[in-house]
């Protein structure tokens, strides 16, 4: 969420290196095959204003906006493009499906690649209050497990949702949680995951005991990939040993998308974790991108 965490600053600020370095080889391979690859910083990082972390509407617009920006620099680029991202970027790629037609005239989104995308975020927030209730669905159980394991990304998600919803943070964040609120403005993902930051506090401790999460839930739900209905082919890739974004969430997401009629290919990568899935799925991903752009 901090300006220093903008991907475009990764060459001079090593805080973001854990994620940008993971994507470097895949990017280099695609460029080597003749594709233009244009990354986004999203809304906020590196520029004035807060970053709406995991707010899919903002992220999808940011990923779409870089395509006409690229055409300003190189007018001979094709109008056909594929949205692709990892983790937070996977969610952003899925949300580009809401920014076609009138939003981006003259551009032709032909496919979406989502690697380890977070989803079921509404269930994550819902289950923090009611983790053990009878009849919980598998995705809700996975969400509850995520919520209980720490808030390295869930805490910042609540902060972002509160800002978008205009909910005063003191109404939803506990006193111990409030002590962490300056961290996202100065620390990047590796530091936020440490025990002295969000990585050392589970979401239930981060939230105030009497927190009214109704507006937070609505905002998170609106920005959850589980609510999307893409009309272009989608490739979802997930590692079976991912402990950051549990694979069960993508199991559920692909089922939801298929039930709405979306053309989804789902690849589970045996033994891959949240980072290694990039390298281990790269040949499959490149082949899929080539096929999508070829029609």
C-alpha atoms as a PDB file:
ATOM      1  CA  UNK A   1       0.000   0.000   0.000  1.00  0.00           C
ATOM      2  CA  UNK A   2       2.986   2.322   0.538  1.00  0.00           C
ATOM      3  CA  UNK A   3       4.410   4.448  -2.254  1.00  0.00           C
ATOM      4  CA  UNK A   4       7.781   2.718  -1.876  1.00  0.00           C
ATOM      5  CA  UNK A   5       6.085  -0.606  -2.657  1.00  0.00           C
ATOM      6  CA  UNK A   6       5.096   0.385  -6.204  1.00  0.00           C
ATOM      7  CA  UNK A   7       6.286  -2.335  -8.618  1.00  0.00           C
ATOM      8  CA  UNK A   8       7.905   0.297 -10.833  1.00  0.00           C
ATOM      9  CA  UNK A   9      10.234   1.128  -7.941  1.00  0.00           C
ATOM     10  CA  UNK A  10      11.408  -2.456  -7.476  1.00  0.00           C
ATOM     11  CA  UNK A  11      14.735  -1.875  -9.224  1.00  0.00           C
ATOM     12  CA  UNK A  12      15.715   0.757  -6.673  1.00  0.00           C
ATOM     13  CA  UNK A  13      13.814  -0.476  -3.624  1.00  0.00           C
ATOM     14  CA  UNK A  14      14.337  -4.121  -2.734  1.00  0.00           C
ATOM     15  CA  UNK A  15      11.307  -4.248  -0.422  1.00  0.00           C
ATOM     16  CA  UNK A  16       9.138  -5.310  -3.345  1.00  0.00           C
ATOM     17  CA  UNK A  17      11.674  -7.703  -4.823  1.00  0.00           C
ATOM     18  CA  UNK A  18      10.034 -10.890  -3.494  1.00  0.00           C
ATOM     19  CA  UNK A  19       7.108 -10.480  -5.901  1.00  0.00           C
ATOM     20  CA  UNK A  20       8.516  -8.524  -8.822  1.00  0.00           C
ATOM     21  CA  UNK A  21      11.518 -10.847  -9.095  1.00  0.00           C
ATOM     22  CA  UNK A  22       9.184 -13.838  -9.238  1.00  0.00           C
ATOM     23  CA  UNK A  23       7.475 -12.370 -12.295  1.00  0.00           C
ATOM     24  CA  UNK A  24      10.672 -11.189 -14.020  1.00  0.00           C
ATOM     25  CA  UNK A  25      11.416 -14.458 -15.836  1.00  0.00           C
ATOM     26  CA  UNK A  26       7.856 -14.913 -17.079  1.00  0.00           C
ATOM     27  CA  UNK A  27       7.855 -11.313 -18.307  1.00  0.00           C
ATOM     28  CA  UNK A  28      11.233 -11.760 -20.021  1.00  0.00           C
ATOM     29  CA  UNK A  29      10.053 -14.942 -21.756  1.00  0.00           C
ATOM     30  CA  UNK A  30       6.931 -13.232 -23.121  1.00  0.00           C
ATOM     31  CA  UNK A  31       8.908 -10.222 -24.334  1.00  0.00           C
ATOM     32  CA  UNK A  32      11.382 -12.610 -25.940  1.00  0.00           C
ATOM     33  CA  UNK A  33       8.513 -14.149 -27.889  1.00  0.00           C
ATOM     34  CA  UNK A  34       7.535 -10.734 -29.267  1.00  0.00           C
ATOM     35  CA  UNK A  35       4.778  -9.655 -26.892  1.00  0.00           C
ATOM     36  CA  UNK A  36       4.521  -6.238 -25.282  1.00  0.00           C
ATOM     37  CA  UNK A  37       4.186  -6.631 -21.499  1.00  0.00           C
ATOM     38  CA  UNK A  38       2.902  -3.593 -19.599  1.00  0.00           C
ATOM     39  CA  UNK A  39       2.757  -3.737 -15.763  1.00  0.00           C
ATOM     40  CA  UNK A  40       0.662  -1.451 -13.581  1.00  0.00           C
ATOM     41  CA  UNK A  41       1.406   0.142 -10.210  1.00  0.00           C
ATOM     42  CA  UNK A  42      -2.352   0.170  -9.472  1.00  0.00           C
ATOM     43  CA  UNK A  43      -4.047   3.179  -7.916  1.00  0.00           C
ATOM     44  CA  UNK A  44      -2.075   4.862  -5.143  1.00  0.00           C
ATOM     45  CA  UNK A  45       1.420   3.311  -4.935  1.00  0.00           C
ATOM     46  CA  UNK A  46       3.977   5.815  -6.193  1.00  0.00           C
ATOM     47  CA  UNK A  47       1.337   8.537  -6.603  1.00  0.00           C
ATOM     48  CA  UNK A  48      -0.769  10.640  -4.200  1.00  0.00           C
ATOM     49  CA  UNK A  49      -3.623   9.000  -2.332  1.00  0.00           C
ATOM     50  CA  UNK A  50      -4.150   5.622  -0.631  1.00  0.00           C
ATOM     51  CA  UNK A  51      -4.029   2.260  -2.379  1.00  0.00           C
ATOM     52  CA  UNK A  52      -7.398   0.407  -2.346  1.00  0.00           C
ATOM     53  CA  UNK A  53      -5.737  -2.950  -1.575  1.00  0.00           C
ATOM     54  CA  UNK A  54      -7.615  -5.953  -2.994  1.00  0.00           C
ATOM     55  CA  UNK A  55     -10.430  -3.699  -4.148  1.00  0.00           C
ATOM     56  CA  UNK A  56     -11.067  -5.448  -7.451  1.00  0.00           C
ATOM     57  CA  UNK A  57     -12.904  -2.564  -9.119  1.00  0.00           C
ATOM     58  CA  UNK A  58      -9.884  -0.272  -8.727  1.00  0.00           C
ATOM     59  CA  UNK A  59      -7.374  -2.971  -9.656  1.00  0.00           C
ATOM     60  CA  UNK A  60      -9.272  -4.033 -12.787  1.00  0.00           C
ATOM     61  CA  UNK A  61      -9.491  -0.444 -13.976  1.00  0.00           C
ATOM     62  CA  UNK A  62      -5.773   0.100 -13.314  1.00  0.00           C
ATOM     63  CA  UNK A  63      -4.802  -2.998 -15.287  1.00  0.00           C
ATOM     64  CA  UNK A  64      -7.065  -1.996 -18.171  1.00  0.00           C
ATOM     65  CA  UNK A  65      -5.865   1.609 -18.210  1.00  0.00           C
ATOM     66  CA  UNK A  66      -2.253   0.637 -18.933  1.00  0.00           C
ATOM     67  CA  UNK A  67      -3.255  -0.807 -22.300  1.00  0.00           C
ATOM     68  CA  UNK A  68      -4.356   2.470 -23.945  1.00  0.00           C
ATOM     69  CA  UNK A  69      -1.372   4.071 -22.185  1.00  0.00           C
ATOM     70  CA  UNK A  70       0.878   1.585 -23.979  1.00  0.00           C
ATOM     71  CA  UNK A  71      -0.764   2.484 -27.285  1.00  0.00           C
ATOM     72  CA  UNK A  72       0.056   6.145 -26.636  1.00  0.00           C
ATOM     73  CA  UNK A  73       3.722   5.148 -26.500  1.00  0.00           C
ATOM     74  CA  UNK A  74       3.605   2.594 -29.333  1.00  0.00           C
ATOM     75  CA  UNK A  75       0.610   3.165 -31.633  1.00  0.00           C
ATOM     76  CA  UNK A  76       1.455   0.070 -33.712  1.00  0.00           C
ATOM     77  CA  UNK A  77       0.626  -2.321 -30.867  1.00  0.00           C
ATOM     78  CA  UNK A  78      -2.183  -4.773 -31.498  1.00  0.00           C
ATOM     79  CA  UNK A  79      -5.613  -4.015 -30.103  1.00  0.00           C
ATOM     80  CA  UNK A  80      -5.797  -7.633 -28.864  1.00  0.00           C
ATOM     81  CA  UNK A  81      -4.568  -8.181 -25.321  1.00  0.00           C
ATOM     82  CA  UNK A  82      -4.536 -10.683 -22.470  1.00  0.00           C
ATOM     83  CA  UNK A  83      -4.847  -9.646 -18.816  1.00  0.00           C
ATOM     84  CA  UNK A  84      -2.476 -11.651 -16.625  1.00  0.00           C
ATOM     85  CA  UNK A  85      -1.441 -11.402 -12.990  1.00  0.00           C
ATOM     86  CA  UNK A  86      -0.253 -13.276  -9.931  1.00  0.00           C
ATOM     87  CA  UNK A  87      -1.821 -13.169  -6.452  1.00  0.00           C
ATOM     88  CA  UNK A  88      -3.233  -9.627  -6.075  1.00  0.00           C
ATOM     89  CA  UNK A  89      -2.565  -9.295  -9.811  1.00  0.00           C
ATOM     90  CA  UNK A  90      -4.616 -12.418 -10.467  1.00  0.00           C
ATOM     91  CA  UNK A  91      -7.617 -10.750  -8.880  1.00  0.00           C
ATOM     92  CA  UNK A  92      -6.917  -7.597 -10.901  1.00  0.00           C
ATOM     93  CA  UNK A  93      -6.754  -9.600 -14.133  1.00  0.00           C
ATOM     94  CA  UNK A  94     -10.134 -11.170 -13.431  1.00  0.00           C
ATOM     95  CA  UNK A  95     -11.665  -7.738 -12.802  1.00  0.00           C
ATOM     96  CA  UNK A  96     -10.595  -6.445 -16.208  1.00  0.00           C
ATOM     97  CA  UNK A  97     -13.659  -8.336 -17.421  1.00  0.00           C
ATOM     98  CA  UNK A  98     -15.742  -5.444 -16.036  1.00  0.00           C
ATOM     99  CA  UNK A  99     -13.850  -2.844 -18.092  1.00  0.00           C
ATOM    100  CA  UNK A 100     -14.475  -3.788 -21.710  1.00  0.00           C
ATOM    101  CA  UNK A 101     -16.700  -2.290 -24.425  1.00  0.00           C
ATOM    102  CA  UNK A 102     -17.519   1.354 -23.625  1.00  0.00           C
ATOM    103  CA  UNK A 103     -14.745   1.659 -21.020  1.00  0.00           C
ATOM    104  CA  UNK A 104     -11.973   0.637 -23.401  1.00  0.00           C
ATOM    105  CA  UNK A 105     -13.222   1.192 -26.983  1.00  0.00           C
ATOM    106  CA  UNK A 106     -10.958  -0.097 -29.708  1.00  0.00           C
ATOM    107  CA  UNK A 107      -9.346  -2.705 -27.449  1.00  0.00           C
ATOM    108  CA  UNK A 108     -10.102  -6.420 -27.592  1.00  0.00           C
ATOM    109  CA  UNK A 109      -9.588  -8.382 -24.363  1.00  0.00           C
ATOM    110  CA  UNK A 110      -9.226 -11.967 -25.580  1.00  0.00           C
ATOM    111  CA  UNK A 111      -8.365 -13.811 -22.375  1.00  0.00           C
ATOM    112  CA  UNK A 112      -7.533 -13.646 -18.660  1.00  0.00           C
ATOM    113  CA  UNK A 113      -4.791 -15.520 -16.787  1.00  0.00           C
ATOM    114  CA  UNK A 114      -5.154 -15.547 -12.994  1.00  0.00           C
ATOM    115  CA  UNK A 115      -2.304 -17.178 -11.072  1.00  0.00           C
ATOM    116  CA  UNK A 116      -3.067 -17.908  -7.394  1.00  0.00           C
ATOM    117  CA  UNK A 117      -5.831 -15.277  -7.248  1.00  0.00           C
ATOM    118  CA  UNK A 118      -7.432 -14.452  -3.886  1.00  0.00           C
ATOM    119  CA  UNK A 119     -11.196 -14.911  -3.917  1.00  0.00           C
ATOM    120  CA  UNK A 120     -14.052 -15.669  -1.519  1.00  0.00           C
ATOM    121  CA  UNK A 121     -12.972 -12.518   0.346  1.00  0.00           C
ATOM    122  CA  UNK A 122     -16.525 -11.862   1.459  1.00  0.00           C
ATOM    123  CA  UNK A 123     -16.518 -15.281   3.126  1.00  0.00           C
ATOM    124  CA  UNK A 124     -13.192 -14.461   4.812  1.00  0.00           C
ATOM    125  CA  UNK A 125     -14.711 -11.423   6.506  1.00  0.00           C
ATOM    126  CA  UNK A 126     -17.986 -13.207   7.232  1.00  0.00           C
ATOM    127  CA  UNK A 127     -16.306 -16.137   8.929  1.00  0.00           C
ATOM    128  CA  UNK A 128     -14.196 -14.074  11.321  1.00  0.00           C
ATOM    129  CA  UNK A 129     -17.255 -13.705  13.532  1.00  0.00           C
ATOM    130  CA  UNK A 130     -18.732 -17.164  13.031  1.00  0.00           C
ATOM    131  CA  UNK A 131     -15.880 -19.538  12.174  1.00  0.00           C
ATOM    132  CA  UNK A 132     -17.293 -22.605  13.837  1.00  0.00           C
ATOM    133  CA  UNK A 133     -20.936 -22.527  12.866  1.00  0.00           C
ATOM    134  CA  UNK A 134     -22.567 -25.705  11.645  1.00  0.00           C
ATOM    135  CA  UNK A 135     -23.131 -26.059   7.940  1.00  0.00           C
ATOM    136  CA  UNK A 136     -20.193 -23.911   6.823  1.00  0.00           C
ATOM    137  CA  UNK A 137     -19.272 -24.431   3.188  1.00  0.00           C
ATOM    138  CA  UNK A 138     -15.760 -25.637   2.253  1.00  0.00           C
ATOM    139  CA  UNK A 139     -14.765 -22.187   0.998  1.00  0.00           C
ATOM    140  CA  UNK A 140     -16.007 -20.642   4.246  1.00  0.00           C
ATOM    141  CA  UNK A 141     -13.971 -23.158   6.254  1.00  0.00           C
ATOM    142  CA  UNK A 142     -10.896 -22.304   4.200  1.00  0.00           C
ATOM    143  CA  UNK A 143     -11.652 -18.646   4.694  1.00  0.00           C
ATOM    144  CA  UNK A 144     -11.927 -19.122   8.428  1.00  0.00           C
ATOM    145  CA  UNK A 145      -8.573 -20.893   8.418  1.00  0.00           C
ATOM    146  CA  UNK A 146      -7.050 -17.985   6.524  1.00  0.00           C
ATOM    147  CA  UNK A 147      -8.535 -15.496   8.949  1.00  0.00           C
ATOM    148  CA  UNK A 148      -7.233 -17.379  11.947  1.00  0.00           C
ATOM    149  CA  UNK A 149      -3.715 -17.884  10.594  1.00  0.00           C
ATOM    150  CA  UNK A 150      -2.819 -14.190  10.531  1.00  0.00           C
ATOM    151  CA  UNK A 151      -3.751 -10.868   8.978  1.00  0.00           C
ATOM    152  CA  UNK A 152      -0.701 -10.083   6.835  1.00  0.00           C
ATOM    153  CA  UNK A 153      -3.091  -9.336   3.960  1.00  0.00           C
ATOM    154  CA  UNK A 154      -6.491  -9.484   5.672  1.00  0.00           C
ATOM    155  CA  UNK A 155      -5.776  -6.551   7.985  1.00  0.00           C
ATOM    156  CA  UNK A 156      -4.791  -4.229   5.122  1.00  0.00           C
ATOM    157  CA  UNK A 157      -7.864  -5.482   3.218  1.00  0.00           C
ATOM    158  CA  UNK A 158     -10.119  -4.352   6.079  1.00  0.00           C
ATOM    159  CA  UNK A 159      -8.326  -0.976   6.185  1.00  0.00           C
ATOM    160  CA  UNK A 160      -8.792  -0.510   2.442  1.00  0.00           C
ATOM    161  CA  UNK A 161     -12.453  -1.556   2.579  1.00  0.00           C
ATOM    162  CA  UNK A 162     -13.111   0.825   5.482  1.00  0.00           C
ATOM    163  CA  UNK A 163     -11.597   3.706   3.521  1.00  0.00           C
ATOM    164  CA  UNK A 164     -13.617   2.891   0.416  1.00  0.00           C
ATOM    165  CA  UNK A 165     -16.781   2.594   2.546  1.00  0.00           C
ATOM    166  CA  UNK A 166     -16.012   5.786   4.516  1.00  0.00           C
ATOM    167  CA  UNK A 167     -16.142   3.790   7.768  1.00  0.00           C
ATOM    168  CA  UNK A 168     -14.072   5.337  10.601  1.00  0.00           C
ATOM    169  CA  UNK A 169     -11.283   2.888  11.364  1.00  0.00           C
ATOM    170  CA  UNK A 170     -11.727   3.254  15.128  1.00  0.00           C
ATOM    171  CA  UNK A 171     -15.164   1.659  14.713  1.00  0.00           C
ATOM    172  CA  UNK A 172     -13.776  -1.581  13.301  1.00  0.00           C
ATOM    173  CA  UNK A 173     -10.134  -1.855  14.439  1.00  0.00           C
ATOM    174  CA  UNK A 174      -9.084  -2.792  17.990  1.00  0.00           C
ATOM    175  CA  UNK A 175      -6.555  -0.713  19.981  1.00  0.00           C
ATOM    176  CA  UNK A 176      -3.775  -3.280  19.312  1.00  0.00           C
ATOM    177  CA  UNK A 177      -4.747  -3.237  15.651  1.00  0.00           C
ATOM    178  CA  UNK A 178      -4.671   0.534  15.504  1.00  0.00           C
ATOM    179  CA  UNK A 179      -1.033   0.450  16.594  1.00  0.00           C
ATOM    180  CA  UNK A 180      -0.291  -1.288  13.274  1.00  0.00           C
ATOM    181  CA  UNK A 181      -2.134   1.205  11.056  1.00  0.00           C
ATOM    182  CA  UNK A 182       0.983   3.241  10.159  1.00  0.00           C
ATOM    183  CA  UNK A 183       2.766   0.098   8.898  1.00  0.00           C
ATOM    184  CA  UNK A 184       1.075  -0.207   5.461  1.00  0.00           C
ATOM    185  CA  UNK A 185       2.111   3.356   4.644  1.00  0.00           C
ATOM    186  CA  UNK A 186       5.810   2.585   5.088  1.00  0.00           C
ATOM    187  CA  UNK A 187       6.386  -1.189   4.938  1.00  0.00           C
ATOM    188  CA  UNK A 188       6.002  -3.623   2.024  1.00  0.00           C
ATOM    189  CA  UNK A 189       4.759  -7.195   1.964  1.00  0.00           C
ATOM    190  CA  UNK A 190       7.828  -8.936   3.403  1.00  0.00           C
ATOM    191  CA  UNK A 191       7.963  -6.560   6.376  1.00  0.00           C
ATOM    192  CA  UNK A 192       4.191  -6.516   6.894  1.00  0.00           C
ATOM    193  CA  UNK A 193       4.301 -10.318   7.187  1.00  0.00           C
ATOM    194  CA  UNK A 194       6.732 -10.217  10.121  1.00  0.00           C
ATOM    195  CA  UNK A 195       5.718 -10.996  13.688  1.00  0.00           C
ATOM    196  CA  UNK A 196       6.128  -7.347  14.743  1.00  0.00           C
ATOM    197  CA  UNK A 197       3.514  -6.292  12.171  1.00  0.00           C
ATOM    198  CA  UNK A 198       0.384  -7.794  10.627  1.00  0.00           C
ATOM    199  CA  UNK A 199       2.001 -11.232  10.410  1.00  0.00           C
ATOM    200  CA  UNK A 200       1.938 -11.456  14.200  1.00  0.00           C
ATOM    201  CA  UNK A 201      -1.753 -10.640  14.710  1.00  0.00           C
ATOM    202  CA  UNK A 202      -4.724 -12.704  13.596  1.00  0.00           C
ATOM    203  CA  UNK A 203      -7.699 -10.936  12.109  1.00  0.00           C
ATOM    204  CA  UNK A 204      -9.965 -11.483  15.104  1.00  0.00           C
ATOM    205  CA  UNK A 205      -7.448  -9.677  17.342  1.00  0.00           C
ATOM    206  CA  UNK A 206      -7.046  -6.912  14.748  1.00  0.00           C
ATOM    207  CA  UNK A 207     -10.784  -6.231  14.708  1.00  0.00           C
ATOM    208  CA  UNK A 208     -12.619  -4.474  17.537  1.00  0.00           C
ATOM    209  CA  UNK A 209     -14.818  -6.765  19.645  1.00  0.00           C
ATOM    210  CA  UNK A 210     -17.975  -4.823  18.819  1.00  0.00           C
ATOM    211  CA  UNK A 211     -17.013  -4.037  15.226  1.00  0.00           C
ATOM    212  CA  UNK A 212     -19.977  -3.549  12.890  1.00  0.00           C
ATOM    213  CA  UNK A 213     -18.657  -5.142   9.693  1.00  0.00           C
ATOM    214  CA  UNK A 214     -21.794  -4.865   7.578  1.00  0.00           C
ATOM    215  CA  UNK A 215     -20.516  -2.063   5.336  1.00  0.00           C
ATOM    216  CA  UNK A 216     -17.068  -3.667   5.220  1.00  0.00           C
ATOM    217  CA  UNK A 217     -18.620  -6.967   4.099  1.00  0.00           C
ATOM    218  CA  UNK A 218     -20.645  -5.265   1.371  1.00  0.00           C
ATOM    219  CA  UNK A 219     -17.591  -3.448   0.030  1.00  0.00           C
ATOM    220  CA  UNK A 220     -15.404  -6.544   0.136  1.00  0.00           C
ATOM    221  CA  UNK A 221     -18.139  -8.610  -1.499  1.00  0.00           C
ATOM    222  CA  UNK A 222     -18.531  -6.124  -4.348  1.00  0.00           C
ATOM    223  CA  UNK A 223     -14.779  -6.342  -4.950  1.00  0.00           C
ATOM    224  CA  UNK A 224     -14.590 -10.148  -4.708  1.00  0.00           C
ATOM    225  CA  UNK A 225     -13.700 -12.141  -7.835  1.00  0.00           C
ATOM    226  CA  UNK A 226     -16.323 -14.671  -6.738  1.00  0.00           C
ATOM    227  CA  UNK A 227     -18.977 -12.217  -7.984  1.00  0.00           C
ATOM    228  CA  UNK A 228     -17.608 -11.880 -11.538  1.00  0.00           C
ATOM    229  CA  UNK A 229     -18.980 -13.225 -14.819  1.00  0.00           C
ATOM    230  CA  UNK A 230     -16.191 -12.943 -17.429  1.00  0.00           C
ATOM    231  CA  UNK A 231     -17.267 -13.301 -21.048  1.00  0.00           C
ATOM    232  CA  UNK A 232     -13.752 -14.134 -22.288  1.00  0.00           C
ATOM    233  CA  UNK A 233     -11.808 -17.372 -21.748  1.00  0.00           C
ATOM    234  CA  UNK A 234     -10.103 -17.625 -18.344  1.00  0.00           C
ATOM    235  CA  UNK A 235      -7.087 -19.650 -17.201  1.00  0.00           C
ATOM    236  CA  UNK A 236      -6.812 -20.130 -13.422  1.00  0.00           C
ATOM    237  CA  UNK A 237      -3.542 -21.591 -12.103  1.00  0.00           C
ATOM    238  CA  UNK A 238      -2.922 -22.580  -8.480  1.00  0.00           C
ATOM    239  CA  UNK A 239      -0.247 -24.526  -6.603  1.00  0.00           C
ATOM    240  CA  UNK A 240      -1.384 -27.383  -4.404  1.00  0.00           C
ATOM    241  CA  UNK A 241       0.928 -26.273  -1.562  1.00  0.00           C
ATOM    242  CA  UNK A 242      -0.031 -22.609  -1.535  1.00  0.00           C
ATOM    243  CA  UNK A 243      -0.310 -21.508   2.116  1.00  0.00           C
ATOM    244  CA  UNK A 244      -0.851 -17.820   1.295  1.00  0.00           C
ATOM    245  CA  UNK A 245      -3.971 -18.211  -0.850  1.00  0.00           C
ATOM    246  CA  UNK A 246      -5.409 -21.711  -0.200  1.00  0.00           C
ATOM    247  CA  UNK A 247      -6.049 -23.683  -3.379  1.00  0.00           C
ATOM    248  CA  UNK A 248      -9.551 -24.520  -2.155  1.00  0.00           C
ATOM    249  CA  UNK A 249     -10.521 -20.910  -2.855  1.00  0.00           C
ATOM    250  CA  UNK A 250      -9.665 -21.320  -6.553  1.00  0.00           C
ATOM    251  CA  UNK A 251     -11.433 -24.696  -6.574  1.00  0.00           C
ATOM    252  CA  UNK A 252     -14.539 -22.796  -5.515  1.00  0.00           C
ATOM    253  CA  UNK A 253     -13.938 -19.833  -7.816  1.00  0.00           C
ATOM    254  CA  UNK A 254     -13.646 -21.968 -10.946  1.00  0.00           C
ATOM    255  CA  UNK A 255     -16.845 -23.803 -10.050  1.00  0.00           C
ATOM    256  CA  UNK A 256     -18.641 -20.478  -9.559  1.00  0.00           C
ATOM    257  CA  UNK A 257     -17.407 -19.117 -12.884  1.00  0.00           C
ATOM    258  CA  UNK A 258     -18.357 -22.287 -14.764  1.00  0.00           C
ATOM    259  CA  UNK A 259     -21.848 -22.201 -13.272  1.00  0.00           C
ATOM    260  CA  UNK A 260     -22.230 -18.730 -14.839  1.00  0.00           C
ATOM    261  CA  UNK A 261     -21.136 -20.008 -18.227  1.00  0.00           C
ATOM    262  CA  UNK A 262     -17.563 -18.716 -18.277  1.00  0.00           C
ATOM    263  CA  UNK A 263     -15.062 -20.700 -20.360  1.00  0.00           C
ATOM    264  CA  UNK A 264     -12.555 -21.665 -17.640  1.00  0.00           C
ATOM    265  CA  UNK A 265      -9.457 -23.844 -17.787  1.00  0.00           C
ATOM    266  CA  UNK A 266      -8.160 -24.729 -14.323  1.00  0.00           C
ATOM    267  CA  UNK A 267      -4.610 -25.962 -13.763  1.00  0.00           C
ATOM    268  CA  UNK A 268      -3.529 -27.293 -10.357  1.00  0.00           C
ATOM    269  CA  UNK A 269       0.270 -27.432 -10.108  1.00  0.00           C
ATOM    270  CA  UNK A 270       1.313 -30.334  -7.825  1.00  0.00           C
ATOM    271  CA  UNK A 271       3.745 -29.357  -5.078  1.00  0.00           C
ATOM    272  CA  UNK A 272       3.914 -25.678  -6.066  1.00  0.00           C
ATOM    273  CA  UNK A 273       3.590 -22.942  -3.455  1.00  0.00           C
ATOM    274  CA  UNK A 274       2.493 -19.330  -3.848  1.00  0.00           C
ATOM    275  CA  UNK A 275       5.735 -18.272  -5.540  1.00  0.00           C
ATOM    276  CA  UNK A 276       7.080 -21.412  -7.254  1.00  0.00           C
ATOM    277  CA  UNK A 277       3.808 -21.803  -9.171  1.00  0.00           C
ATOM    278  CA  UNK A 278       5.018 -19.040 -11.498  1.00  0.00           C
ATOM    279  CA  UNK A 279       8.064 -20.919 -12.768  1.00  0.00           C
ATOM    280  CA  UNK A 280       6.430 -24.334 -12.745  1.00  0.00           C
ATOM    281  CA  UNK A 281       3.400 -23.211 -14.752  1.00  0.00           C
ATOM    282  CA  UNK A 282       5.245 -20.892 -17.155  1.00  0.00           C
ATOM    283  CA  UNK A 283       5.257 -23.153 -20.272  1.00  0.00           C
ATOM    284  CA  UNK A 284       1.546 -23.922 -19.872  1.00  0.00           C
ATOM    285  CA  UNK A 285       0.730 -20.244 -19.353  1.00  0.00           C
ATOM    286  CA  UNK A 286       2.730 -19.077 -22.380  1.00  0.00           C
ATOM    287  CA  UNK A 287       1.058 -21.686 -24.590  1.00  0.00           C
ATOM    288  CA  UNK A 288      -2.379 -20.571 -23.369  1.00  0.00           C
ATOM    289  CA  UNK A 289      -1.585 -16.892 -24.003  1.00  0.00           C
ATOM    290  CA  UNK A 290      -0.372 -17.697 -27.504  1.00  0.00           C
ATOM    291  CA  UNK A 291      -3.569 -19.593 -28.219  1.00  0.00           C
ATOM    292  CA  UNK A 292      -5.790 -16.830 -26.836  1.00  0.00           C
ATOM    293  CA  UNK A 293      -4.119 -14.125 -28.924  1.00  0.00           C
ATOM    294  CA  UNK A 294      -4.290 -16.344 -31.988  1.00  0.00           C
ATOM    295  CA  UNK A 295      -8.021 -16.737 -31.508  1.00  0.00           C
END
